[in-house]
Every structure is written in structure tokens, then in C-alpha cells.
Amino acid sequence: MCGRYVIISKLKVIQKRFKVSPPPPDLFSPMSNISIGDKALVITNEQPDQLQLFQFGMTPSWAKKKMYLFNARSEGDHNKENDPRYNGAMGIISKPAFRSPIRRKRCLIIADAFMEGPKKEKLSKPFLIYMRQKKRPFAFAGIWDEWVNRVTGEVSASYSIITTTANELLLKIGHHRSPVILDEEDEQTWLSDASLQDITPLLRPYPSEELNAYPISSAIKNPRDKDFDLLQPTGERIYPEYTYEIHQELRLEGMGMTTSRKRMREEDKQKRKPQKDGQQGSLF
């Protein structure tokens, strides 16, 4: 399940990355703990050149009362065991709440990272999952819908994140699901009028080797706590990462272990240093 995620990129960065017009700047600010019911950035198939703010947690258009369907299983009622090897039918196309949006109302959900915890402990033992090489922002595959309050006449636009089976990284954390992260080259296909035959193959786990994760404070489970300090690591990353330092090359003289050669060896040892969590200059 993916019920919490992060947008820390500046609006102009998002605008450039997705080639879209921004919403009014006073309506958006970076968000450290996007939770169900919050309004966050999406790009819809109906307005693919515009960033919009929709509510996280979809209410189908036919619903009698407001709902908050924040995740949509790509397998639908299939794969109830959440087998990561599942390669069968995408049951989302026949679920009553999702069968129309998956065909006609698809969206990109802008994100920089997301939070998950083990299946049992959930956000009592949270991890922040992010793209390596500072590859952000990125987009979840989403669906959206509009619901009209029959009493007030208010129109509510809302969205769900599509989930799939867990990749290796999520399994290491102990979680059984993963949000669908789209490759950049597939984003326009997702927003197009492409057929189900073309878009259902995109509902797959993102390659584990391109992601990483580290533990964060369990205070993040409070949806009202929006402190950016909660995104700082409280322990080691799942996969070690390294920083590289550039040193001046020394000319080696002769074949023996000269002073220069000794210095060269020592400097080589320093070139590849594990990145120390809690001391990095920026988030993730």
C-alpha cells in the first residue's frame, strides 16, 4: 500500500521536468508527508500541459457519499497472496471503481519519494524510498475521477495511486506492495488515449536497483506532522551508497614504493567513502 509520499522539488523544477504550466504559486508548497485527504500535484490526460491540485483518495463519480480510495491494485481481485512473481491478468480493468478511470481518466502523480513500512509494523517502522542518483521528481501511475456532492453541488477531483507487486527493495523492507512508477518515456503513453493492451504492461514493479531506502522517524505516521526533519535518516540505507572525492594525480617515479607512491595508495583508499546517513547535505 502507498499511503504517504513526498514532494520537495520546487515548482519550477517540476514545471521544467514535465513541460507543464504551474498552478497559482500560492496554492502549492513542498510537502513532506502527503497523506490521504491532502491536495497534491497531478497531470491528467484531459489537461496534459497543466499541473493541477487534486485530492489524494479517489471518490468514483457514481458514489453516493465521499470515499477515499487511495490505492488501486493493478491485479484487482487476482493475486490475493501478493506473489511478487505474479504475471497474470490485470484485474483493475474490471473493478467497478476503476474500470472507467483506467480507460478514460489516467494521470501522472508527481513525487520525489514515498514511505512504506513492514507489513506488520507499517509506519511504526517506516522507510523512505527514493530514486538513486537524485533522479527526481518522478511520476506514479494514477487514475482520477470527479464526484459531485448532491447536497452542496460541489465538484471534487481526486486520484488513486496504482500499486503492483513488491520489487526486491520493498521485499527487503518487508512490504508486500509497490506503487507503479512510470519510466519517463512511458509517461506520455499513460496520458494518451492508448488502449488497455498498450498501458497494462506498464503496471509492473520499478527496477529495484534504481531505488534505495533508509529508515526514518515513526513520527511520520501522524498525517498532521509535516516537519521536513522527519525525512532525515535514522539508520543505514538498504543498499550502501558512496561519495567520491577527486584528488590530484601524483606522478610515480621509479618502480619502488616511493613517498609519492605511498601517498597515491593512501589517497586511493579515500576516494571511495561510504556515505554517512544523517550527515548528508540534502535530503535523500
Protein backbone atom coordinates (compact mmCIF):
# COMPACT_ATOMS: atom_id res chain seq x y z
CA MET A 1 0.00 0.00 0.00
CA CYS A 2 1.25 3.50 -0.74
CA GLY A 3 -0.48 6.00 1.51
CA ARG A 4 2.29 8.51 2.16
CA TYR A 5 4.67 10.26 -0.19
CA VAL A 6 6.80 13.37 -0.62
CA ILE A 7 7.15 16.35 -2.96
CA ILE A 8 10.18 18.50 -2.10
CA SER A 9 11.08 19.76 -5.60
CA LYS A 10 10.49 23.41 -6.36
CA LEU A 11 7.59 24.20 -8.63
CA LYS A 12 9.86 25.48 -11.41
CA VAL A 13 11.79 22.18 -11.37
CA ILE A 14 8.57 20.19 -11.71
CA GLN A 15 7.37 22.53 -14.43
CA LYS A 16 10.58 22.05 -16.44
CA ARG A 17 10.74 18.28 -15.92
CA PHE A 18 7.17 17.62 -17.10
CA LYS A 19 6.87 20.56 -19.54
CA VAL A 20 3.68 21.86 -17.95
CA SER A 21 2.20 25.13 -16.76
CA PRO A 22 2.11 25.52 -12.97
CA PRO A 23 -0.89 26.17 -10.75
CA PRO A 24 -1.01 29.52 -8.93
CA PRO A 25 2.14 29.55 -6.74
CA ASP A 26 0.18 30.44 -3.62
CA LEU A 27 -1.72 27.14 -3.90
CA PHE A 28 1.32 24.88 -3.72
CA SER A 29 4.33 24.42 -1.46
CA PRO A 30 6.68 21.43 -0.98
CA MET A 31 5.10 18.67 1.10
CA SER A 32 6.98 16.26 3.35
CA ASN A 33 4.13 13.96 4.34
CA ILE A 34 1.34 13.80 1.75
CA SER A 35 -1.49 11.84 3.31
CA ILE A 36 -4.97 10.70 2.35
CA GLY A 37 -7.22 13.74 2.01
CA ASP A 38 -4.39 16.16 1.15
CA LYS A 39 -4.33 18.01 -2.15
CA ALA A 40 -1.25 17.38 -4.28
CA LEU A 41 0.07 17.74 -7.83
CA VAL A 42 -1.21 15.68 -10.76
CA ILE A 43 -1.17 15.90 -14.56
CA THR A 44 -4.29 14.48 -16.18
CA ASN A 45 -4.98 13.11 -19.63
CA GLU A 46 -7.58 15.86 -20.14
CA GLN A 47 -5.10 18.67 -19.41
CA PRO A 48 -1.66 17.14 -20.11
CA ASP A 49 0.07 20.53 -20.24
CA GLN A 50 -1.18 21.74 -16.85
CA LEU A 51 -0.25 20.94 -13.23
CA GLN A 52 -3.35 20.63 -11.08
CA LEU A 53 -4.10 20.06 -7.41
CA PHE A 54 -6.39 17.09 -6.74
CA GLN A 55 -7.32 15.34 -3.51
CA PHE A 56 -5.42 12.15 -2.60
CA GLY A 57 -8.05 9.42 -2.21
CA MET A 58 -10.44 8.92 -5.13
CA THR A 59 -14.21 9.10 -4.96
CA PRO A 60 -15.83 7.41 -8.00
CA SER A 61 -18.32 9.57 -9.88
CA TRP A 62 -21.18 7.18 -9.08
CA ALA A 63 -20.58 7.07 -5.32
CA LYS A 64 -23.45 8.16 -3.05
CA LYS A 65 -21.02 9.58 -0.49
CA LYS A 66 -17.41 10.68 -0.42
CA MET A 67 -14.80 7.92 -0.45
CA TYR A 68 -11.01 7.86 -0.19
CA LEU A 69 -9.71 5.09 -2.45
CA PHE A 70 -6.04 5.99 -2.24
CA ASN A 71 -4.65 2.84 -3.91
CA ALA A 72 -5.86 0.80 -6.88
CA ARG A 73 -4.49 -2.74 -7.19
CA SER A 74 -3.30 -3.44 -10.72
CA GLU A 75 -4.20 -7.12 -10.29
CA GLY A 76 -7.67 -6.31 -8.97
CA ASP A 77 -9.03 -9.35 -7.15
CA HIS A 78 -6.28 -11.56 -8.56
CA ASN A 79 -3.05 -12.37 -6.74
CA LYS A 80 -4.52 -12.04 -3.26
CA GLU A 81 -1.32 -13.60 -1.90
CA ASN A 82 0.70 -10.70 -3.37
CA ASP A 83 3.08 -13.13 -5.03
CA PRO A 84 5.94 -10.98 -6.44
CA ARG A 85 6.24 -13.44 -9.34
CA TYR A 86 2.66 -12.81 -10.48
CA ASN A 87 2.40 -12.27 -14.23
CA GLY A 88 -1.29 -12.75 -14.86
CA ALA A 89 -4.31 -10.64 -15.77
CA MET A 90 -4.64 -7.02 -14.67
CA GLY A 91 -7.97 -7.18 -12.84
CA ILE A 92 -8.07 -3.40 -12.35
CA ILE A 93 -9.78 -3.13 -15.74
CA SER A 94 -12.93 -4.81 -14.40
CA LYS A 95 -13.19 -3.39 -10.84
CA PRO A 96 -16.31 -1.16 -10.60
CA ALA A 97 -14.46 1.80 -9.05
CA PHE A 98 -11.55 1.66 -11.50
CA ARG A 99 -12.75 0.22 -14.83
CA SER A 100 -13.84 3.58 -16.22
CA PRO A 101 -10.90 5.71 -14.94
CA ILE A 102 -8.28 3.19 -16.15
CA ARG A 103 -9.71 3.63 -19.65
CA ARG A 104 -10.58 7.34 -19.70
CA LYS A 105 -9.10 9.19 -16.73
CA ARG A 106 -5.43 8.46 -16.23
CA CYS A 107 -2.97 10.82 -14.57
CA LEU A 108 0.62 11.29 -13.52
CA ILE A 109 1.10 11.78 -9.78
CA ILE A 110 4.18 13.88 -9.07
CA ALA A 111 6.52 12.63 -6.34
CA ASP A 112 10.09 12.77 -5.06
CA ALA A 113 9.92 9.80 -2.67
CA PHE A 114 7.43 7.67 -0.76
CA MET A 115 7.15 5.93 2.60
CA GLU A 116 6.48 2.30 3.44
CA GLY A 117 6.99 0.00 6.40
CA PRO A 118 6.95 -3.75 7.04
CA LYS A 119 3.57 -5.43 6.52
CA LYS A 120 3.07 -5.94 10.26
CA GLU A 121 4.63 -2.81 11.80
CA LYS A 122 3.60 -0.50 8.93
CA LEU A 123 4.57 3.13 9.65
CA SER A 124 5.64 2.28 13.17
CA LYS A 125 8.86 1.23 11.41
CA PRO A 126 8.92 3.48 8.32
CA PHE A 127 11.39 3.69 5.46
CA LEU A 128 11.74 6.46 2.90
CA ILE A 129 12.14 5.07 -0.64
CA TYR A 130 13.73 7.27 -3.29
CA MET A 131 15.38 7.20 -6.72
CA ARG A 132 19.15 6.86 -6.81
CA GLN A 133 21.31 9.49 -8.48
CA LYS A 134 18.84 12.19 -7.35
CA LYS A 135 16.53 11.22 -10.18
CA ARG A 136 13.56 13.29 -9.14
CA PRO A 137 10.84 14.29 -9.44
CA PHE A 138 9.20 11.22 -10.99
CA ALA A 139 5.63 10.09 -11.59
CA PHE A 140 3.38 7.39 -10.18
CA ALA A 141 0.78 5.91 -12.49
CA GLY A 142 -2.58 7.19 -11.31
CA ILE A 143 -6.27 7.30 -12.09
CA TRP A 144 -8.69 10.09 -11.21
CA ASP A 145 -12.36 10.91 -11.15
CA GLU A 146 -14.78 13.73 -10.37
CA TRP A 147 -17.57 13.45 -7.81
CA VAL A 148 -20.45 15.86 -7.27
CA ASN A 149 -21.82 16.38 -3.78
CA ARG A 150 -25.57 16.03 -4.25
CA VAL A 151 -26.29 18.31 -1.30
CA THR A 152 -23.92 21.21 -1.96
CA GLY A 153 -23.26 20.78 -5.69
CA GLU A 154 -19.50 20.96 -5.00
CA VAL A 155 -17.33 19.11 -7.54
CA SER A 156 -14.40 17.16 -6.08
CA ALA A 157 -11.49 15.93 -8.24
CA SER A 158 -9.48 13.13 -6.64
CA TYR A 159 -7.00 10.39 -7.52
CA SER A 160 -5.60 6.96 -6.61
CA ILE A 161 -2.06 5.59 -6.95
CA ILE A 162 -1.94 2.29 -8.82
CA THR A 163 0.00 -0.42 -6.98
CA THR A 164 1.66 -3.60 -8.11
CA THR A 165 3.69 -6.43 -6.63
CA ALA A 166 6.73 -5.65 -4.48
CA ASN A 167 10.20 -5.44 -6.02
CA GLU A 168 13.32 -6.70 -4.25
CA LEU A 169 13.84 -3.48 -2.30
CA LEU A 170 10.29 -3.44 -0.92
CA LEU A 171 10.66 -7.12 0.00
CA LYS A 172 13.82 -6.28 1.96
CA ILE A 173 11.81 -3.73 3.91
CA GLY A 174 9.16 -6.37 4.49
CA HIS A 175 6.43 -4.73 2.47
CA HIS A 176 4.17 -6.67 0.10
CA ARG A 177 3.19 -3.98 -2.44
CA SER A 178 4.79 -1.24 -4.52
CA PRO A 179 3.42 1.87 -6.25
CA VAL A 180 3.71 1.82 -10.04
CA ILE A 181 6.49 4.25 -11.01
CA LEU A 182 6.46 5.07 -14.71
CA ASP A 183 9.56 5.27 -16.86
CA GLU A 184 9.88 8.80 -18.24
CA GLU A 185 9.45 7.56 -21.81
CA ASP A 186 6.12 5.92 -20.84
CA GLU A 187 4.53 8.97 -19.23
CA GLN A 188 3.00 10.36 -22.40
CA THR A 189 1.66 6.94 -23.35
CA TRP A 190 -0.05 6.79 -19.98
CA LEU A 191 -1.70 10.17 -20.61
CA SER A 192 -2.68 9.35 -24.18
CA ASP A 193 -5.77 7.51 -25.43
CA ALA A 194 -3.71 4.34 -25.73
CA SER A 195 -5.66 1.10 -25.39
CA LEU A 196 -5.64 -1.17 -22.36
CA GLN A 197 -3.46 -3.53 -24.37
CA ASP A 198 -0.81 -0.80 -24.52
CA ILE A 199 -0.99 0.53 -20.96
CA THR A 200 -1.48 -2.57 -18.80
CA PRO A 201 2.10 -3.79 -19.49
CA LEU A 202 3.28 -0.59 -17.75
CA LEU A 203 1.77 -1.78 -14.45
CA ARG A 204 4.92 -3.51 -13.25
CA PRO A 205 7.36 -3.05 -10.35
CA TYR A 206 10.09 -0.48 -10.88
CA PRO A 207 13.63 -1.94 -11.07
CA SER A 208 14.92 -2.36 -7.53
CA GLU A 209 18.49 -1.43 -8.44
CA GLU A 210 17.37 2.09 -9.36
CA LEU A 211 15.87 2.73 -5.92
CA ASN A 212 17.13 2.86 -2.37
CA ALA A 213 15.68 3.38 1.10
CA TYR A 214 16.59 4.31 4.65
CA PRO A 215 14.68 4.26 7.95
CA ILE A 216 13.06 7.45 9.23
CA SER A 217 11.26 8.54 12.39
CA SER A 218 7.98 6.79 13.23
CA ALA A 219 6.55 10.26 13.92
CA ILE A 220 5.84 10.32 10.17
CA LYS A 221 2.78 8.14 10.78
CA ASN A 222 0.96 11.17 12.15
CA PRO A 223 -0.58 12.67 8.98
CA ARG A 224 -0.69 16.11 10.59
CA ASP A 225 3.08 16.17 11.18
CA LYS A 226 4.60 17.89 8.13
CA ASP A 227 8.08 18.57 9.56
CA PHE A 228 10.80 18.07 6.91
CA ASP A 229 13.19 16.85 9.60
CA LEU A 230 11.16 13.63 9.67
CA LEU A 231 12.69 12.73 6.31
CA GLN A 232 16.21 12.54 7.70
CA PRO A 233 17.68 9.00 8.08
CA THR A 234 17.70 7.32 11.48
CA GLY A 235 19.85 4.40 10.31
CA GLU A 236 21.74 2.87 7.41
CA ARG A 237 20.47 2.64 3.85
CA ILE A 238 19.25 -0.68 2.49
CA TYR A 239 21.93 -0.56 -0.23
CA PRO A 240 25.22 1.18 0.69
CA GLU A 241 25.95 4.31 -1.29
CA TYR A 242 29.28 6.04 -1.78
CA THR A 243 30.61 9.51 -2.29
CA TYR A 244 33.63 10.11 -4.48
CA GLU A 245 36.39 12.63 -3.87
CA ILE A 246 38.66 13.92 -6.63
CA HIS A 247 42.37 14.00 -5.80
CA GLN A 248 45.29 15.45 -7.71
CA GLU A 249 47.11 12.73 -9.57
CA LEU A 250 50.68 12.17 -8.41
CA ARG A 251 53.44 11.25 -10.81
CA LEU A 252 55.06 7.96 -9.84
CA GLU A 253 58.82 7.91 -10.08
CA GLY A 254 60.66 4.63 -10.50
CA MET A 255 59.36 1.18 -9.65
CA GLY A 256 59.79 1.15 -5.89
CA MET A 257 57.37 2.21 -3.14
CA THR A 258 58.39 5.85 -3.21
CA THR A 259 56.89 8.50 -0.99
CA SER A 260 54.75 9.58 -3.92
CA ARG A 261 53.51 6.02 -4.50
CA LYS A 262 52.65 5.61 -0.81
CA ARG A 263 50.72 8.86 -0.85
CA MET A 264 48.94 7.73 -4.02
CA ARG A 265 47.84 4.48 -2.36
CA GLU A 266 46.51 6.27 0.69
CA GLU A 267 44.60 8.74 -1.41
CA ASP A 268 43.08 5.94 -3.49
CA LYS A 269 41.68 4.47 -0.27
CA GLN A 270 39.98 7.77 0.43
CA LYS A 271 38.36 8.16 -2.97
CA ARG A 272 35.51 5.79 -2.23
CA LYS A 273 33.89 6.51 1.11
CA PRO A 274 30.57 5.19 2.40
CA GLN A 275 28.00 7.95 2.66
CA LYS A 276 27.21 8.56 6.32
CA ASP A 277 23.50 8.79 7.00
CA GLY A 278 22.30 11.79 8.94
CA GLN A 279 25.17 13.92 7.65
CA GLN A 280 24.28 14.42 4.00
CA GLY A 281 23.84 17.97 2.79
CA SER A 282 20.44 17.38 1.23
CA LEU A 283 17.50 15.02 1.65
CA PHE A 284 17.80 11.52 0.18
